């Protein structure tokens, strides 16, 4: 039986460019060698939108 799991990583990002770069990695908009692209459809977003830079800016404001 396969076990479900979640990964949570916390890292300080000093610029909005860092946020955008991380967002494109997480959303697989750039090549991510350690991820199975066939499983992308299984990902679930629990909060926020498809635009992490806007989500962060809204939170800061």
PDB file of N, CA and C in Angstrom:
ATOM      1  N   UNK A   1       0.851  -1.173   0.000  1.00  0.00           N
ATOM      2  CA  UNK A   1       0.000   0.000   0.000  1.00  0.00           C
ATOM      3  C   UNK A   1       0.901   1.242   0.000  1.00  0.00           C
ATOM      4  N   UNK A   2       0.599   2.177  -0.869  1.00  0.00           N
ATOM      5  CA  UNK A   2       1.366   3.427  -0.938  1.00  0.00           C
ATOM      6  C   UNK A   2       0.875   4.392   0.132  1.00  0.00           C
ATOM      7  N   UNK A   3       1.804   5.109   0.707  1.00  0.00           N
ATOM      8  CA  UNK A   3       1.450   6.080   1.737  1.00  0.00           C
ATOM      9  C   UNK A   3       1.469   7.478   1.131  1.00  0.00           C
ATOM     10  N   UNK A   4       0.508   8.278   1.492  1.00  0.00           N
ATOM     11  CA  UNK A   4       0.466   9.670   1.046  1.00  0.00           C
ATOM     12  C   UNK A   4       1.424  10.488   1.903  1.00  0.00           C
ATOM     13  N   UNK A   5       1.981  11.520   1.319  1.00  0.00           N
ATOM     14  CA  UNK A   5       2.871  12.382   2.080  1.00  0.00           C
ATOM     15  C   UNK A   5       2.825  13.789   1.513  1.00  0.00           C
ATOM     16  N   UNK A   6       3.271  14.714   2.281  1.00  0.00           N
ATOM     17  CA  UNK A   6       3.351  16.115   1.861  1.00  0.00           C
ATOM     18  C   UNK A   6       4.748  16.624   2.178  1.00  0.00           C
ATOM     19  N   UNK A   7       5.185  17.596   1.399  1.00  0.00           N
ATOM     20  CA  UNK A   7       6.484  18.203   1.623  1.00  0.00           C
ATOM     21  C   UNK A   7       6.273  19.690   1.856  1.00  0.00           C
ATOM     22  N   UNK A   8       6.855  20.211   2.909  1.00  0.00           N
ATOM     23  CA  UNK A   8       6.797  21.636   3.209  1.00  0.00           C
ATOM     24  C   UNK A   8       8.221  22.120   3.405  1.00  0.00           C
ATOM     25  N   UNK A   9       8.608  23.065   2.570  1.00  0.00           N
ATOM     26  CA  UNK A   9       9.939  23.654   2.711  1.00  0.00           C
ATOM     27  C   UNK A   9       9.772  25.141   2.977  1.00  0.00           C
ATOM     28  N   UNK A  10      10.584  25.638   3.872  1.00  0.00           N
ATOM     29  CA  UNK A  10      10.544  27.054   4.213  1.00  0.00           C
ATOM     30  C   UNK A  10      11.922  27.636   3.927  1.00  0.00           C
ATOM     31  N   UNK A  11      11.947  28.714   3.156  1.00  0.00           N
ATOM     32  CA  UNK A  11      13.212  29.362   2.834  1.00  0.00           C
ATOM     33  C   UNK A  11      12.975  30.862   2.689  1.00  0.00           C
ATOM     34  N   UNK A  12      13.925  31.644   3.116  1.00  0.00           N
ATOM     35  CA  UNK A  12      13.832  33.089   2.989  1.00  0.00           C
ATOM     36  C   UNK A  12      14.104  33.471   1.539  1.00  0.00           C
ATOM     37  N   UNK A  13      13.225  34.276   0.972  1.00  0.00           N
ATOM     38  CA  UNK A  13      13.401  34.798  -0.378  1.00  0.00           C
ATOM     39  C   UNK A  13      13.454  36.309  -0.272  1.00  0.00           C
ATOM     40  N   UNK A  14      14.546  36.892  -0.738  1.00  0.00           N
ATOM     41  CA  UNK A  14      14.775  38.317  -0.527  1.00  0.00           C
ATOM     42  C   UNK A  14      14.210  39.199  -1.618  1.00  0.00           C
ATOM     43  N   UNK A  15      13.899  38.647  -2.793  1.00  0.00           N
ATOM     44  CA  UNK A  15      13.388  39.471  -3.895  1.00  0.00           C
ATOM     45  C   UNK A  15      12.149  38.825  -4.504  1.00  0.00           C
ATOM     46  N   UNK A  16      11.371  39.638  -5.200  1.00  0.00           N
ATOM     47  CA  UNK A  16      10.217  39.102  -5.910  1.00  0.00           C
ATOM     48  C   UNK A  16      10.677  38.197  -7.050  1.00  0.00           C
ATOM     49  N   UNK A  17      11.880  38.431  -7.576  1.00  0.00           N
ATOM     50  CA  UNK A  17      12.442  37.546  -8.591  1.00  0.00           C
ATOM     51  C   UNK A  17      12.653  36.147  -8.049  1.00  0.00           C
ATOM     52  N   UNK A  18      13.106  36.063  -6.782  1.00  0.00           N
ATOM     53  CA  UNK A  18      13.247  34.754  -6.136  1.00  0.00           C
ATOM     54  C   UNK A  18      11.897  34.058  -6.024  1.00  0.00           C
ATOM     55  N   UNK A  19      10.871  34.822  -5.670  1.00  0.00           N
ATOM     56  CA  UNK A  19       9.520  34.266  -5.538  1.00  0.00           C
ATOM     57  C   UNK A  19       9.033  33.755  -6.894  1.00  0.00           C
ATOM     58  N   UNK A  20       9.225  34.556  -7.933  1.00  0.00           N
ATOM     59  CA  UNK A  20       8.797  34.158  -9.275  1.00  0.00           C
ATOM     60  C   UNK A  20       9.544  32.934  -9.772  1.00  0.00           C
ATOM     61  N   UNK A  21      10.850  32.888  -9.542  1.00  0.00           N
ATOM     62  CA  UNK A  21      11.639  31.737  -9.955  1.00  0.00           C
ATOM     63  C   UNK A  21      11.223  30.470  -9.246  1.00  0.00           C
ATOM     64  N   UNK A  22      10.988  30.594  -7.947  1.00  0.00           N
ATOM     65  CA  UNK A  22      10.534  29.429  -7.180  1.00  0.00           C
ATOM     66  C   UNK A  22       9.154  28.980  -7.650  1.00  0.00           C
ATOM     67  N   UNK A  23       8.291  29.951  -7.931  1.00  0.00           N
ATOM     68  CA  UNK A  23       6.941  29.628  -8.415  1.00  0.00           C
ATOM     69  C   UNK A  23       6.979  28.878  -9.735  1.00  0.00           C
ATOM     70  N   UNK A  24       7.839  29.311 -10.659  1.00  0.00           N
ATOM     71  CA  UNK A  24       7.910  28.617 -11.948  1.00  0.00           C
ATOM     72  C   UNK A  24       8.486  27.208 -11.786  1.00  0.00           C
ATOM     73  N   UNK A  25       9.351  27.019 -10.805  1.00  0.00           N
ATOM     74  CA  UNK A  25       9.867  25.671 -10.509  1.00  0.00           C
ATOM     75  C   UNK A  25       8.745  24.789  -9.960  1.00  0.00           C
ATOM     76  N   UNK A  26       8.025  25.297  -8.976  1.00  0.00           N
ATOM     77  CA  UNK A  26       6.965  24.521  -8.339  1.00  0.00           C
ATOM     78  C   UNK A  26       5.852  24.188  -9.330  1.00  0.00           C
ATOM     79  N   UNK A  27       5.519  25.127 -10.188  1.00  0.00           N
ATOM     80  CA  UNK A  27       4.454  24.916 -11.178  1.00  0.00           C
ATOM     81  C   UNK A  27       4.941  24.141 -12.398  1.00  0.00           C
ATOM     82  N   UNK A  28       6.218  23.741 -12.400  1.00  0.00           N
ATOM     83  CA  UNK A  28       6.832  22.979 -13.487  1.00  0.00           C
ATOM     84  C   UNK A  28       6.766  23.728 -14.816  1.00  0.00           C
ATOM     85  N   UNK A  29       6.927  25.051 -14.758  1.00  0.00           N
ATOM     86  CA  UNK A  29       6.994  25.864 -15.967  1.00  0.00           C
ATOM     87  C   UNK A  29       8.418  25.879 -16.519  1.00  0.00           C
ATOM     88  N   UNK A  30       9.332  25.295 -15.783  1.00  0.00           N
ATOM     89  CA  UNK A  30      10.707  25.100 -16.236  1.00  0.00           C
ATOM     90  C   UNK A  30      11.066  23.639 -15.972  1.00  0.00           C
ATOM     91  N   UNK A  31      12.073  23.145 -16.652  1.00  0.00           N
ATOM     92  CA  UNK A  31      12.451  21.753 -16.497  1.00  0.00           C
ATOM     93  C   UNK A  31      12.869  21.467 -15.053  1.00  0.00           C
ATOM     94  N   UNK A  32      12.274  20.449 -14.482  1.00  0.00           N
ATOM     95  CA  UNK A  32      12.588  20.032 -13.123  1.00  0.00           C
ATOM     96  C   UNK A  32      12.947  18.551 -13.187  1.00  0.00           C
ATOM     97  N   UNK A  33      14.229  18.262 -13.151  1.00  0.00           N
ATOM     98  CA  UNK A  33      14.722  16.911 -13.416  1.00  0.00           C
ATOM     99  C   UNK A  33      14.284  15.877 -12.387  1.00  0.00           C
ATOM    100  N   UNK A  34      14.055  16.287 -11.156  1.00  0.00           N
ATOM    101  CA  UNK A  34      13.705  15.317 -10.113  1.00  0.00           C
ATOM    102  C   UNK A  34      12.201  15.145  -9.941  1.00  0.00           C
ATOM    103  N   UNK A  35      11.398  15.595 -10.922  1.00  0.00           N
ATOM    104  CA  UNK A  35       9.946  15.490 -10.814  1.00  0.00           C
ATOM    105  C   UNK A  35       9.390  14.672 -11.976  1.00  0.00           C
ATOM    106  N   UNK A  36       8.402  13.863 -11.702  1.00  0.00           N
ATOM    107  CA  UNK A  36       7.724  13.070 -12.720  1.00  0.00           C
ATOM    108  C   UNK A  36       6.607  13.920 -13.313  1.00  0.00           C
ATOM    109  N   UNK A  37       6.790  14.372 -14.551  1.00  0.00           N
ATOM    110  CA  UNK A  37       5.807  15.271 -15.181  1.00  0.00           C
ATOM    111  C   UNK A  37       4.453  14.595 -15.365  1.00  0.00           C
ATOM    112  N   UNK A  38       4.416  13.283 -15.382  1.00  0.00           N
ATOM    113  CA  UNK A  38       3.141  12.563 -15.514  1.00  0.00           C
ATOM    114  C   UNK A  38       2.264  12.724 -14.269  1.00  0.00           C
ATOM    115  N   UNK A  39       2.879  13.063 -13.147  1.00  0.00           N
ATOM    116  CA  UNK A  39       2.133  13.181 -11.893  1.00  0.00           C
ATOM    117  C   UNK A  39       1.722  14.625 -11.575  1.00  0.00           C
ATOM    118  N   UNK A  40       2.031  15.549 -12.473  1.00  0.00           N
ATOM    119  CA  UNK A  40       1.701  16.953 -12.235  1.00  0.00           C
ATOM    120  C   UNK A  40       0.212  17.152 -11.981  1.00  0.00           C
ATOM    121  N   UNK A  41      -0.601  16.407 -12.691  1.00  0.00           N
ATOM    122  CA  UNK A  41      -2.055  16.557 -12.544  1.00  0.00           C
ATOM    123  C   UNK A  41      -2.560  16.139 -11.164  1.00  0.00           C
ATOM    124  N   UNK A  42      -1.735  15.458 -10.395  1.00  0.00           N
ATOM    125  CA  UNK A  42      -2.126  15.029  -9.052  1.00  0.00           C
ATOM    126  C   UNK A  42      -1.893  16.112  -7.993  1.00  0.00           C
ATOM    127  N   UNK A  43      -1.144  17.152  -8.356  1.00  0.00           N
ATOM    128  CA  UNK A  43      -0.863  18.226  -7.395  1.00  0.00           C
ATOM    129  C   UNK A  43      -2.140  18.963  -7.019  1.00  0.00           C
ATOM    130  N   UNK A  44      -2.195  19.417  -5.785  1.00  0.00           N
ATOM    131  CA  UNK A  44      -3.346  20.179  -5.298  1.00  0.00           C
ATOM    132  C   UNK A  44      -2.857  21.471  -4.669  1.00  0.00           C
ATOM    133  N   UNK A  45      -3.492  22.582  -5.008  1.00  0.00           N
ATOM    134  CA  UNK A  45      -3.175  23.871  -4.405  1.00  0.00           C
ATOM    135  C   UNK A  45      -4.155  24.090  -3.255  1.00  0.00           C
ATOM    136  N   UNK A  46      -3.621  24.294  -2.060  1.00  0.00           N
ATOM    137  CA  UNK A  46      -4.474  24.468  -0.889  1.00  0.00           C
ATOM    138  C   UNK A  46      -4.826  25.920  -0.645  1.00  0.00           C
ATOM    139  N   UNK A  47      -4.011  26.834  -1.183  1.00  0.00           N
ATOM    140  CA  UNK A  47      -4.267  28.259  -0.968  1.00  0.00           C
ATOM    141  C   UNK A  47      -3.566  29.037  -2.073  1.00  0.00           C
ATOM    142  N   UNK A  48      -4.045  30.228  -2.342  1.00  0.00           N
ATOM    143  CA  UNK A  48      -3.387  31.075  -3.323  1.00  0.00           C
ATOM    144  C   UNK A  48      -3.887  30.837  -4.740  1.00  0.00           C
ATOM    145  N   UNK A  49      -3.177  31.437  -5.684  1.00  0.00           N
ATOM    146  CA  UNK A  49      -3.552  31.386  -7.094  1.00  0.00           C
ATOM    147  C   UNK A  49      -2.395  30.811  -7.907  1.00  0.00           C
ATOM    148  N   UNK A  50      -2.509  30.910  -9.215  1.00  0.00           N
ATOM    149  CA  UNK A  50      -1.429  30.468 -10.098  1.00  0.00           C
ATOM    150  C   UNK A  50      -0.326  31.513 -10.222  1.00  0.00           C
ATOM    151  N   UNK A  51      -0.440  32.607  -9.505  1.00  0.00           N
ATOM    152  CA  UNK A  51       0.540  33.700  -9.586  1.00  0.00           C
ATOM    153  C   UNK A  51       1.143  33.955  -8.201  1.00  0.00           C
ATOM    154  N   UNK A  52       2.224  33.269  -7.870  1.00  0.00           N
ATOM    155  CA  UNK A  52       2.787  33.404  -6.522  1.00  0.00           C
ATOM    156  C   UNK A  52       3.304  34.802  -6.208  1.00  0.00           C
ATOM    157  N   UNK A  53       3.786  35.545  -7.213  1.00  0.00           N
ATOM    158  CA  UNK A  53       4.283  36.904  -6.946  1.00  0.00           C
ATOM    159  C   UNK A  53       3.138  37.805  -6.489  1.00  0.00           C
ATOM    160  N   UNK A  54       1.983  37.694  -7.120  1.00  0.00           N
ATOM    161  CA  UNK A  54       0.818  38.487  -6.702  1.00  0.00           C
ATOM    162  C   UNK A  54       0.343  38.038  -5.325  1.00  0.00           C
ATOM    163  N   UNK A  55       0.334  36.737  -5.076  1.00  0.00           N
ATOM    164  CA  UNK A  55      -0.088  36.224  -3.767  1.00  0.00           C
ATOM    165  C   UNK A  55       0.785  36.802  -2.655  1.00  0.00           C
ATOM    166  N   UNK A  56       2.100  36.821  -2.874  1.00  0.00           N
ATOM    167  CA  UNK A  56       3.021  37.369  -1.875  1.00  0.00           C
ATOM    168  C   UNK A  56       2.792  38.867  -1.696  1.00  0.00           C
ATOM    169  N   UNK A  57       2.639  39.594  -2.795  1.00  0.00           N
ATOM    170  CA  UNK A  57       2.440  41.039  -2.704  1.00  0.00           C
ATOM    171  C   UNK A  57       1.143  41.382  -1.966  1.00  0.00           C
ATOM    172  N   UNK A  58       0.097  40.630  -2.225  1.00  0.00           N
ATOM    173  CA  UNK A  58      -1.180  40.837  -1.505  1.00  0.00           C
ATOM    174  C   UNK A  58      -0.992  40.608  -0.021  1.00  0.00           C
ATOM    175  N   UNK A  59      -0.234  39.578   0.320  1.00  0.00           N
ATOM    176  CA  UNK A  59       0.020  39.258   1.730  1.00  0.00           C
ATOM    177  C   UNK A  59       0.841  40.352   2.399  1.00  0.00           C
ATOM    178  N   UNK A  60       1.843  40.892   1.699  1.00  0.00           N
ATOM    179  CA  UNK A  60       2.682  41.958   2.242  1.00  0.00           C
ATOM    180  C   UNK A  60       1.869  43.227   2.457  1.00  0.00           C
ATOM    181  N   UNK A  61       1.050  43.555   1.459  1.00  0.00           N
ATOM    182  CA  UNK A  61       0.227  44.773   1.547  1.00  0.00           C
ATOM    183  C   UNK A  61      -0.753  44.683   2.702  1.00  0.00           C
TER     184      UNK A  61
END
